[in-house]
Amino acid sequence: MHKIVVVLTLLIALGFSCSPYRHKDLVGEWQATAIVQEGDSLAIDPKVVQFTFSKNEGYTYRSTLNYHESGTYYIINKKLFTMDTLNRASTEKAVEILMLTPDSLHLKMSDGGKGRLMKLAKMK
């Protein structure tokens, strides 16, 4: 029985340590540089799309048409989960992190069943 507990503990620890992205790497202000849906660039100015991720797991998001949300976030493996607390009818959203470097963030998401890629650069 003791061996099973040790093995399970190691597997859980490895599962958490294998996550390629860390919370601290996401912290900062990000501005979209490109938004591509099903291979075509969207006809919007990507500069108006911005994320801010704080150390205390809070985020804000600004987009076109004066859209704004704010709430909490967390990362599990390659998924970024957000929960907008401004809109009471909101549900938790999950997007896939394709890349996260000190200056670039690529998110894969779906909008109306269509695949969307958002490329962001860290603002200085």
N, C-alpha and C. Protein backbone atom coordinates (compact mmCIF):
# COMPACT_ATOMS: atom_id res chain seq x y z
N MET A 1 0.82 -1.19 0.00
CA MET A 1 0.00 0.00 0.00
C MET A 1 0.87 1.26 0.00
N HIS A 2 1.95 1.23 0.77
CA HIS A 2 2.85 2.38 0.85
C HIS A 2 3.45 2.69 -0.52
N LYS A 3 3.79 1.65 -1.29
CA LYS A 3 4.37 1.85 -2.62
C LYS A 3 3.37 2.53 -3.56
N ILE A 4 2.11 2.17 -3.45
CA ILE A 4 1.08 2.76 -4.31
C ILE A 4 0.96 4.26 -4.01
N VAL A 5 0.97 4.63 -2.74
CA VAL A 5 0.87 6.03 -2.36
C VAL A 5 2.08 6.81 -2.89
N VAL A 6 3.26 6.24 -2.78
CA VAL A 6 4.48 6.89 -3.27
C VAL A 6 4.41 7.07 -4.79
N VAL A 7 4.00 6.04 -5.50
CA VAL A 7 3.90 6.12 -6.96
C VAL A 7 2.87 7.17 -7.37
N LEU A 8 1.70 7.18 -6.74
CA LEU A 8 0.67 8.17 -7.06
C LEU A 8 1.16 9.59 -6.78
N THR A 9 1.85 9.77 -5.67
CA THR A 9 2.39 11.09 -5.33
C THR A 9 3.38 11.56 -6.39
N LEU A 10 4.25 10.66 -6.85
CA LEU A 10 5.22 11.01 -7.89
C LEU A 10 4.53 11.35 -9.21
N LEU A 11 3.50 10.58 -9.58
CA LEU A 11 2.78 10.85 -10.82
C LEU A 11 2.09 12.21 -10.77
N ILE A 12 1.50 12.54 -9.65
CA ILE A 12 0.83 13.84 -9.51
C ILE A 12 1.86 14.96 -9.59
N ALA A 13 2.97 14.79 -8.90
CA ALA A 13 4.02 15.81 -8.93
C ALA A 13 4.57 16.00 -10.35
N LEU A 14 4.78 14.91 -11.06
CA LEU A 14 5.27 15.00 -12.43
C LEU A 14 4.25 15.66 -13.34
N GLY A 15 2.99 15.37 -13.13
CA GLY A 15 1.93 15.98 -13.93
C GLY A 15 1.91 17.49 -13.79
N PHE A 16 2.10 17.99 -12.57
CA PHE A 16 2.11 19.43 -12.37
C PHE A 16 3.40 20.05 -12.85
N SER A 17 4.52 19.36 -12.71
CA SER A 17 5.79 19.95 -13.11
C SER A 17 6.00 19.89 -14.61
N CYS A 18 5.25 19.09 -15.34
CA CYS A 18 5.41 18.97 -16.78
C CYS A 18 4.68 20.06 -17.55
N SER A 19 3.93 20.89 -16.87
CA SER A 19 3.22 21.96 -17.54
C SER A 19 4.24 22.89 -18.19
N PRO A 20 4.12 23.12 -19.50
CA PRO A 20 5.13 23.93 -20.18
C PRO A 20 5.03 25.42 -19.88
N TYR A 21 3.91 25.89 -19.33
CA TYR A 21 3.71 27.31 -19.11
C TYR A 21 3.47 27.60 -17.64
N ARG A 22 4.03 28.72 -17.19
CA ARG A 22 3.91 29.08 -15.78
C ARG A 22 3.17 30.41 -15.66
N HIS A 23 2.47 30.54 -14.56
CA HIS A 23 1.70 31.72 -14.25
C HIS A 23 2.56 32.98 -14.37
N LYS A 24 3.75 32.96 -13.82
CA LYS A 24 4.59 34.17 -13.81
C LYS A 24 5.01 34.60 -15.21
N ASP A 25 5.05 33.67 -16.17
CA ASP A 25 5.43 34.01 -17.54
C ASP A 25 4.32 34.79 -18.26
N LEU A 26 3.10 34.67 -17.78
CA LEU A 26 1.96 35.33 -18.41
C LEU A 26 1.74 36.75 -17.87
N VAL A 27 2.25 37.02 -16.68
CA VAL A 27 2.01 38.31 -16.03
C VAL A 27 2.55 39.46 -16.89
N GLY A 28 1.70 40.47 -17.09
CA GLY A 28 2.09 41.66 -17.84
C GLY A 28 0.98 42.10 -18.77
N GLU A 29 1.32 43.07 -19.62
CA GLU A 29 0.37 43.61 -20.59
C GLU A 29 0.71 43.08 -21.97
N TRP A 30 -0.33 42.62 -22.68
CA TRP A 30 -0.17 42.01 -24.00
C TRP A 30 -1.09 42.71 -25.00
N GLN A 31 -0.56 42.93 -26.20
CA GLN A 31 -1.34 43.56 -27.26
C GLN A 31 -1.34 42.65 -28.48
N ALA A 32 -2.51 42.48 -29.09
CA ALA A 32 -2.61 41.63 -30.27
C ALA A 32 -1.82 42.23 -31.43
N THR A 33 -1.17 41.36 -32.18
CA THR A 33 -0.46 41.77 -33.40
C THR A 33 -1.14 41.20 -34.63
N ALA A 34 -1.88 40.11 -34.45
CA ALA A 34 -2.61 39.48 -35.55
C ALA A 34 -3.72 38.62 -34.98
N ILE A 35 -4.85 38.61 -35.69
CA ILE A 35 -5.97 37.74 -35.33
C ILE A 35 -6.41 37.06 -36.62
N VAL A 36 -6.25 35.74 -36.64
CA VAL A 36 -6.51 34.96 -37.85
C VAL A 36 -7.63 33.98 -37.57
N GLN A 37 -8.63 33.97 -38.44
CA GLN A 37 -9.74 33.02 -38.30
C GLN A 37 -9.81 32.16 -39.55
N GLU A 38 -9.66 30.87 -39.35
CA GLU A 38 -9.70 29.89 -40.44
C GLU A 38 -8.78 30.29 -41.59
N GLY A 39 -7.56 30.74 -41.25
CA GLY A 39 -6.54 31.07 -42.25
C GLY A 39 -6.57 32.47 -42.78
N ASP A 40 -7.60 33.27 -42.47
CA ASP A 40 -7.70 34.64 -42.97
C ASP A 40 -7.63 35.64 -41.83
N SER A 41 -6.88 36.73 -42.04
CA SER A 41 -6.82 37.80 -41.04
C SER A 41 -8.18 38.47 -40.92
N LEU A 42 -8.58 38.74 -39.69
CA LEU A 42 -9.84 39.45 -39.47
C LEU A 42 -9.65 40.92 -39.82
N ALA A 43 -10.70 41.54 -40.33
CA ALA A 43 -10.66 42.93 -40.76
C ALA A 43 -10.87 43.86 -39.56
N ILE A 44 -10.01 43.73 -38.56
CA ILE A 44 -10.05 44.62 -37.40
C ILE A 44 -8.61 45.05 -37.10
N ASP A 45 -8.49 46.17 -36.41
CA ASP A 45 -7.18 46.62 -35.98
C ASP A 45 -6.79 45.82 -34.74
N PRO A 46 -5.78 44.94 -34.84
CA PRO A 46 -5.45 44.10 -33.69
C PRO A 46 -4.95 44.89 -32.49
N LYS A 47 -4.48 46.12 -32.70
CA LYS A 47 -3.94 46.92 -31.60
C LYS A 47 -4.97 47.26 -30.53
N VAL A 48 -6.26 47.19 -30.87
CA VAL A 48 -7.29 47.50 -29.88
C VAL A 48 -7.57 46.30 -28.97
N VAL A 49 -7.02 45.14 -29.30
CA VAL A 49 -7.23 43.93 -28.50
C VAL A 49 -6.06 43.78 -27.53
N GLN A 50 -6.37 43.83 -26.23
CA GLN A 50 -5.33 43.78 -25.21
C GLN A 50 -5.75 42.94 -24.01
N PHE A 51 -4.76 42.27 -23.44
CA PHE A 51 -4.92 41.53 -22.19
C PHE A 51 -3.94 42.11 -21.17
N THR A 52 -4.34 42.11 -19.92
CA THR A 52 -3.43 42.38 -18.81
C THR A 52 -3.63 41.25 -17.81
N PHE A 53 -2.53 40.58 -17.45
CA PHE A 53 -2.57 39.50 -16.46
C PHE A 53 -1.75 39.94 -15.25
N SER A 54 -2.35 39.89 -14.07
CA SER A 54 -1.66 40.32 -12.85
C SER A 54 -1.11 39.13 -12.08
N LYS A 55 -0.24 39.45 -11.14
CA LYS A 55 0.37 38.41 -10.29
C LYS A 55 -0.67 37.71 -9.42
N ASN A 56 -1.74 38.42 -9.07
CA ASN A 56 -2.75 37.84 -8.17
C ASN A 56 -3.84 37.09 -8.92
N GLU A 57 -3.52 36.65 -10.15
CA GLU A 57 -4.43 35.85 -10.98
C GLU A 57 -5.69 36.61 -11.39
N GLY A 58 -5.55 37.91 -11.56
CA GLY A 58 -6.62 38.73 -12.12
C GLY A 58 -6.26 39.10 -13.55
N TYR A 59 -7.26 39.35 -14.36
CA TYR A 59 -7.00 39.74 -15.74
C TYR A 59 -8.02 40.76 -16.20
N THR A 60 -7.65 41.52 -17.24
CA THR A 60 -8.59 42.37 -17.95
C THR A 60 -8.39 42.10 -19.43
N TYR A 61 -9.46 42.27 -20.18
CA TYR A 61 -9.45 42.06 -21.63
C TYR A 61 -10.21 43.19 -22.27
N ARG A 62 -9.62 43.80 -23.29
CA ARG A 62 -10.27 44.86 -24.05
C ARG A 62 -10.25 44.45 -25.52
N SER A 63 -11.34 44.75 -26.20
CA SER A 63 -11.44 44.36 -27.60
C SER A 63 -12.20 45.44 -28.38
N THR A 64 -12.59 45.08 -29.59
CA THR A 64 -13.32 46.00 -30.46
C THR A 64 -14.71 46.29 -29.90
N LEU A 65 -15.32 47.33 -30.43
CA LEU A 65 -16.68 47.73 -30.06
C LEU A 65 -16.80 48.01 -28.56
N ASN A 66 -15.71 48.49 -27.97
CA ASN A 66 -15.67 48.86 -26.55
C ASN A 66 -15.98 47.68 -25.63
N TYR A 67 -15.68 46.45 -26.06
CA TYR A 67 -15.91 45.27 -25.23
C TYR A 67 -14.83 45.20 -24.15
N HIS A 68 -15.25 44.85 -22.95
CA HIS A 68 -14.34 44.79 -21.81
C HIS A 68 -14.79 43.67 -20.88
N GLU A 69 -13.84 42.90 -20.40
CA GLU A 69 -14.14 41.94 -19.34
C GLU A 69 -12.99 41.94 -18.35
N SER A 70 -13.26 41.46 -17.17
CA SER A 70 -12.27 41.44 -16.11
C SER A 70 -12.65 40.32 -15.15
N GLY A 71 -11.66 39.66 -14.59
CA GLY A 71 -11.96 38.57 -13.67
C GLY A 71 -10.71 37.84 -13.23
N THR A 72 -10.83 36.53 -13.14
CA THR A 72 -9.72 35.70 -12.65
C THR A 72 -9.27 34.74 -13.75
N TYR A 73 -8.04 34.26 -13.60
CA TYR A 73 -7.49 33.30 -14.56
C TYR A 73 -6.58 32.30 -13.86
N TYR A 74 -6.36 31.18 -14.53
CA TYR A 74 -5.37 30.21 -14.10
C TYR A 74 -4.94 29.38 -15.29
N ILE A 75 -3.80 28.72 -15.15
CA ILE A 75 -3.25 27.89 -16.22
C ILE A 75 -3.15 26.46 -15.72
N ILE A 76 -3.61 25.52 -16.54
CA ILE A 76 -3.38 24.09 -16.31
C ILE A 76 -2.87 23.51 -17.61
N ASN A 77 -1.67 22.96 -17.54
CA ASN A 77 -0.99 22.42 -18.71
C ASN A 77 -0.93 23.46 -19.82
N LYS A 78 -1.56 23.22 -20.94
CA LYS A 78 -1.52 24.17 -22.06
C LYS A 78 -2.81 24.97 -22.20
N LYS A 79 -3.61 25.01 -21.16
CA LYS A 79 -4.90 25.71 -21.20
C LYS A 79 -4.88 26.93 -20.29
N LEU A 80 -5.42 28.03 -20.81
CA LEU A 80 -5.62 29.24 -20.04
C LEU A 80 -7.12 29.36 -19.78
N PHE A 81 -7.49 29.37 -18.51
CA PHE A 81 -8.89 29.45 -18.10
C PHE A 81 -9.16 30.87 -17.58
N THR A 82 -10.26 31.48 -18.03
CA THR A 82 -10.65 32.80 -17.54
C THR A 82 -12.10 32.77 -17.10
N MET A 83 -12.39 33.59 -16.10
CA MET A 83 -13.76 33.73 -15.62
C MET A 83 -14.05 35.21 -15.46
N ASP A 84 -14.89 35.73 -16.33
CA ASP A 84 -15.27 37.14 -16.30
C ASP A 84 -16.20 37.37 -15.11
N THR A 85 -15.80 38.26 -14.20
CA THR A 85 -16.63 38.55 -13.04
C THR A 85 -17.42 39.85 -13.20
N LEU A 86 -17.24 40.55 -14.33
CA LEU A 86 -18.04 41.75 -14.59
C LEU A 86 -19.43 41.37 -15.07
N ASN A 87 -19.51 40.33 -15.88
CA ASN A 87 -20.78 39.89 -16.46
C ASN A 87 -21.28 38.69 -15.67
N ARG A 88 -22.36 38.83 -14.98
CA ARG A 88 -22.88 37.75 -14.13
C ARG A 88 -23.32 36.53 -14.92
N ALA A 89 -23.66 36.70 -16.19
CA ALA A 89 -24.11 35.58 -17.02
C ALA A 89 -22.93 34.85 -17.66
N SER A 90 -21.73 35.26 -17.33
CA SER A 90 -20.54 34.68 -17.94
C SER A 90 -20.23 33.29 -17.38
N THR A 91 -19.63 32.46 -18.22
CA THR A 91 -19.16 31.14 -17.80
C THR A 91 -17.65 31.09 -18.01
N GLU A 92 -17.02 30.12 -17.39
CA GLU A 92 -15.58 29.96 -17.54
C GLU A 92 -15.23 29.65 -18.99
N LYS A 93 -14.18 30.28 -19.49
CA LYS A 93 -13.70 30.04 -20.85
C LYS A 93 -12.32 29.41 -20.77
N ALA A 94 -12.01 28.59 -21.77
CA ALA A 94 -10.69 27.98 -21.86
C ALA A 94 -10.17 28.15 -23.29
N VAL A 95 -8.91 28.56 -23.39
CA VAL A 95 -8.24 28.65 -24.69
C VAL A 95 -6.92 27.90 -24.57
N GLU A 96 -6.40 27.47 -25.70
CA GLU A 96 -5.14 26.74 -25.70
C GLU A 96 -3.98 27.70 -25.91
N ILE A 97 -2.97 27.58 -25.07
CA ILE A 97 -1.74 28.35 -25.25
C ILE A 97 -0.86 27.57 -26.20
N LEU A 98 -0.64 28.12 -27.39
CA LEU A 98 0.23 27.46 -28.37
C LEU A 98 1.68 27.84 -28.15
N MET A 99 1.91 29.07 -27.67
CA MET A 99 3.26 29.54 -27.43
C MET A 99 3.23 30.63 -26.37
N LEU A 100 4.20 30.59 -25.46
CA LEU A 100 4.38 31.63 -24.47
C LEU A 100 5.87 31.80 -24.24
N THR A 101 6.40 32.93 -24.70
CA THR A 101 7.80 33.28 -24.50
C THR A 101 7.82 34.61 -23.76
N PRO A 102 8.99 35.12 -23.40
CA PRO A 102 9.02 36.41 -22.70
C PRO A 102 8.36 37.56 -23.46
N ASP A 103 8.27 37.46 -24.80
CA ASP A 103 7.69 38.57 -25.55
C ASP A 103 6.55 38.19 -26.50
N SER A 104 6.17 36.91 -26.56
CA SER A 104 5.11 36.48 -27.48
C SER A 104 4.15 35.51 -26.80
N LEU A 105 2.87 35.65 -27.16
CA LEU A 105 1.82 34.78 -26.66
C LEU A 105 0.90 34.45 -27.83
N HIS A 106 0.71 33.17 -28.11
CA HIS A 106 -0.21 32.74 -29.16
C HIS A 106 -1.31 31.91 -28.52
N LEU A 107 -2.56 32.30 -28.76
CA LEU A 107 -3.72 31.62 -28.19
C LEU A 107 -4.58 31.05 -29.29
N LYS A 108 -4.99 29.80 -29.11
CA LYS A 108 -5.91 29.15 -30.05
C LYS A 108 -7.27 29.09 -29.37
N MET A 109 -8.27 29.61 -30.08
CA MET A 109 -9.62 29.65 -29.51
C MET A 109 -10.64 29.35 -30.58
N SER A 110 -11.88 29.35 -30.18
CA SER A 110 -12.98 29.12 -31.11
C SER A 110 -14.00 30.22 -30.93
N ASP A 111 -14.50 30.74 -32.05
CA ASP A 111 -15.55 31.75 -32.01
C ASP A 111 -16.66 31.31 -32.95
N GLY A 112 -17.78 30.96 -32.39
CA GLY A 112 -18.89 30.49 -33.20
C GLY A 112 -18.56 29.22 -33.96
N GLY A 113 -17.74 28.36 -33.37
CA GLY A 113 -17.36 27.10 -34.01
C GLY A 113 -16.22 27.24 -35.02
N LYS A 114 -15.72 28.46 -35.21
CA LYS A 114 -14.62 28.68 -36.15
C LYS A 114 -13.32 28.84 -35.37
N GLY A 115 -12.28 28.18 -35.85
CA GLY A 115 -10.98 28.27 -35.20
C GLY A 115 -10.38 29.66 -35.36
N ARG A 116 -9.78 30.15 -34.29
CA ARG A 116 -9.18 31.48 -34.31
C ARG A 116 -7.82 31.43 -33.62
N LEU A 117 -6.85 32.12 -34.21
CA LEU A 117 -5.51 32.24 -33.64
C LEU A 117 -5.28 33.70 -33.32
N MET A 118 -4.93 33.99 -32.06
CA MET A 118 -4.61 35.35 -31.66
C MET A 118 -3.14 35.38 -31.28
N LYS A 119 -2.38 36.24 -31.97
CA LYS A 119 -0.96 36.44 -31.67
C LYS A 119 -0.82 37.75 -30.92
N LEU A 120 -0.13 37.70 -29.79
CA LEU A 120 0.05 38.89 -28.96
C LEU A 120 1.52 39.12 -28.67
N ALA A 121 1.87 40.39 -28.48
CA ALA A 121 3.23 40.77 -28.08
C ALA A 121 3.16 41.43 -26.72
N LYS A 122 4.18 41.17 -25.90
CA LYS A 122 4.22 41.79 -24.58
C LYS A 122 4.59 43.25 -24.74
N MET A 123 3.83 44.11 -24.07
CA MET A 123 4.08 45.54 -24.13
C MET A 123 5.14 45.88 -23.08
N LYS A 124 5.96 46.84 -23.40
CA LYS A 124 7.04 47.22 -22.46
C LYS A 124 6.68 48.41 -21.64
